[in-house]
Structures are given as structure tokens and as C-alpha cells.
Amino acid sequence: GSLEDWLHQKPMHSVSITSNATRILSLIQRLDIAIDVAFALEYLHHHCDAPIVHCDLKPSNVLLDDEMVAHVGDFGLAKFISIGINSSQAHQSSSIAVRGTIGYTPPEYGLGNKPFTRGDVYSFGILLLEIFTGKRPTDDMFKEGMHLQSFIQAAWPERVMDILDHVLLEDIIGEDMNTSADHPHHLLRTGKNKVILEALTAVLGIALSCCAELPQERLDMSDVAAKLSSIRKRLSRICSLRHRQIPFPAGM
């Protein structure tokens, strides 16, 4: 299925509640998916004969196989860009509108700017925020000037636990919640959970950097992939889940 199916599950009348409840993405799985997509974009941007801009990255275009490896799909809007193009040229307007999907398309595309790799970086940042908060950029709560990024920014880094996907939060501290009278916020600040909280804070910080308003302030996908992989390595030391080796390039 797609990442969309896993993040935003609809009630399934033909499937038992117990069976449906098992479809939970763990912390490590979410991070692995993000890393797969990051390396896929890094490959498109830096290792093709001509850089390729996907132009429509979103959860429904991230497909998960039986091993939960993520693959970037639907290249219907993808664009080749000239190898010699620079950032100033990328900001020039184009008569050809980049359609994309509302909420995931960078603001400069709405101004008629040409597709550029940093546009994909913006979309990836939104995707990364959605993976760990469970909130779509088009949710009804984002009105009157508020959007997903500002919602996260207001809580980052001091109140990260307040904005995490509640399913993910329960998965992280579930066992401790059953055996402790402490408030969930306290549980996430102790022991190995403290390391997890620090990792999640770092991931959301990377996401916010990716979806900066100005393209030149966004990270490059090579840096994003490296930073996320480093976080994954730290987490693998404390998480009991099997470490999945990620081939290069992943997600293709």
C-alpha cells in the first residue's frame, strides 16, 4: 500500500478491529521510510544524467512493499532540469505552471517559478512533518494564516511531545504507561525515551529546515539523507527492533 494508507487509515468494515489495529508504523519504520525517500530524491537530484525534480511528492506517491521499503512513485509531473542551472535561474518565472498538490507544493511554484530541486526538498519537509505528527498540511485546523509548519514551529523544540502522532507516542511509551503512574510527558523524558525524544526533536528540526519559505534556506537532499541516517544509527543502539540495512540508492 501507500504511505497515505498507513498514516491515515480509514475504517475497514470488512476487517476486524483487532486486525486493523495492528497496522501501526513504529518509530523505526517511520524513520526508515523517511530515509528511503530521502535517498531516492538524493539520487534523482544528484546521480542522474540530468537532475530530475519529482514535483509531486506526497504520502500517496510513496509506496511501501512487503518489507516496508519505501519507493517513490508517480513521475507524471517530473521535470528534467539543465545541469548548468543555478539558483537565480531557478527562481525565474515560467509560463508552464507546476501543478503539484496543494499543501505539498512549495510557495515559489505558486508564483510561477521554474521547478528546481529545492522544491522537492520543501515537499519532503512537509512529508516528514506528516510522518511524525500524523497531520496533513490540508487538515481543517490549519486556517487563518496557520499552517502545518507554523504549528510545528510553535511547539519546537520544547513541546515536541505535544505535536507527535498520538499513535506513535503510545507505541513509544505504551509499556511504560501500563506500569507507571507518571504523566506521559515525564515518561518521554527518562531513560532511553529521552534519547528517542531528542531524536524526534532533531528529525522535526530537519523537516522545518527543509520547508523553509525561501528555497536558498532549505537543506540539500544529500545533507538530509546523511542527517537522518545518523539519527537512525543512534536510535538503533537502543531500539530492540531489527535494524534494516538500507541499500544505496534506496526507494527507487
Foldseek 3Di string as FASTA:
>chain_A
DWQCCLLDPDDDPVDDPVVVVVSHQEPLLLLQQLLLVLLVLLCQQPPDPFRKAQLADDRRQWDQDPVSFTAGHDSVQMDTDHPPDDPVQQLDADPDQRDYDPQQFAPSSVVRGHDDSLRNLQSSLQRLLCSFQSDGQPDPVQDDPRTSLVVCVVCPPPNNVVRGHVSNLCNVCVVVVVVDPDDSVVSCCDDVSVLVSVLSSVSNVLSSQSNDNDSVSHDHSVVVSVSSVVSSVVNVVPDPDDDDDADPNGND
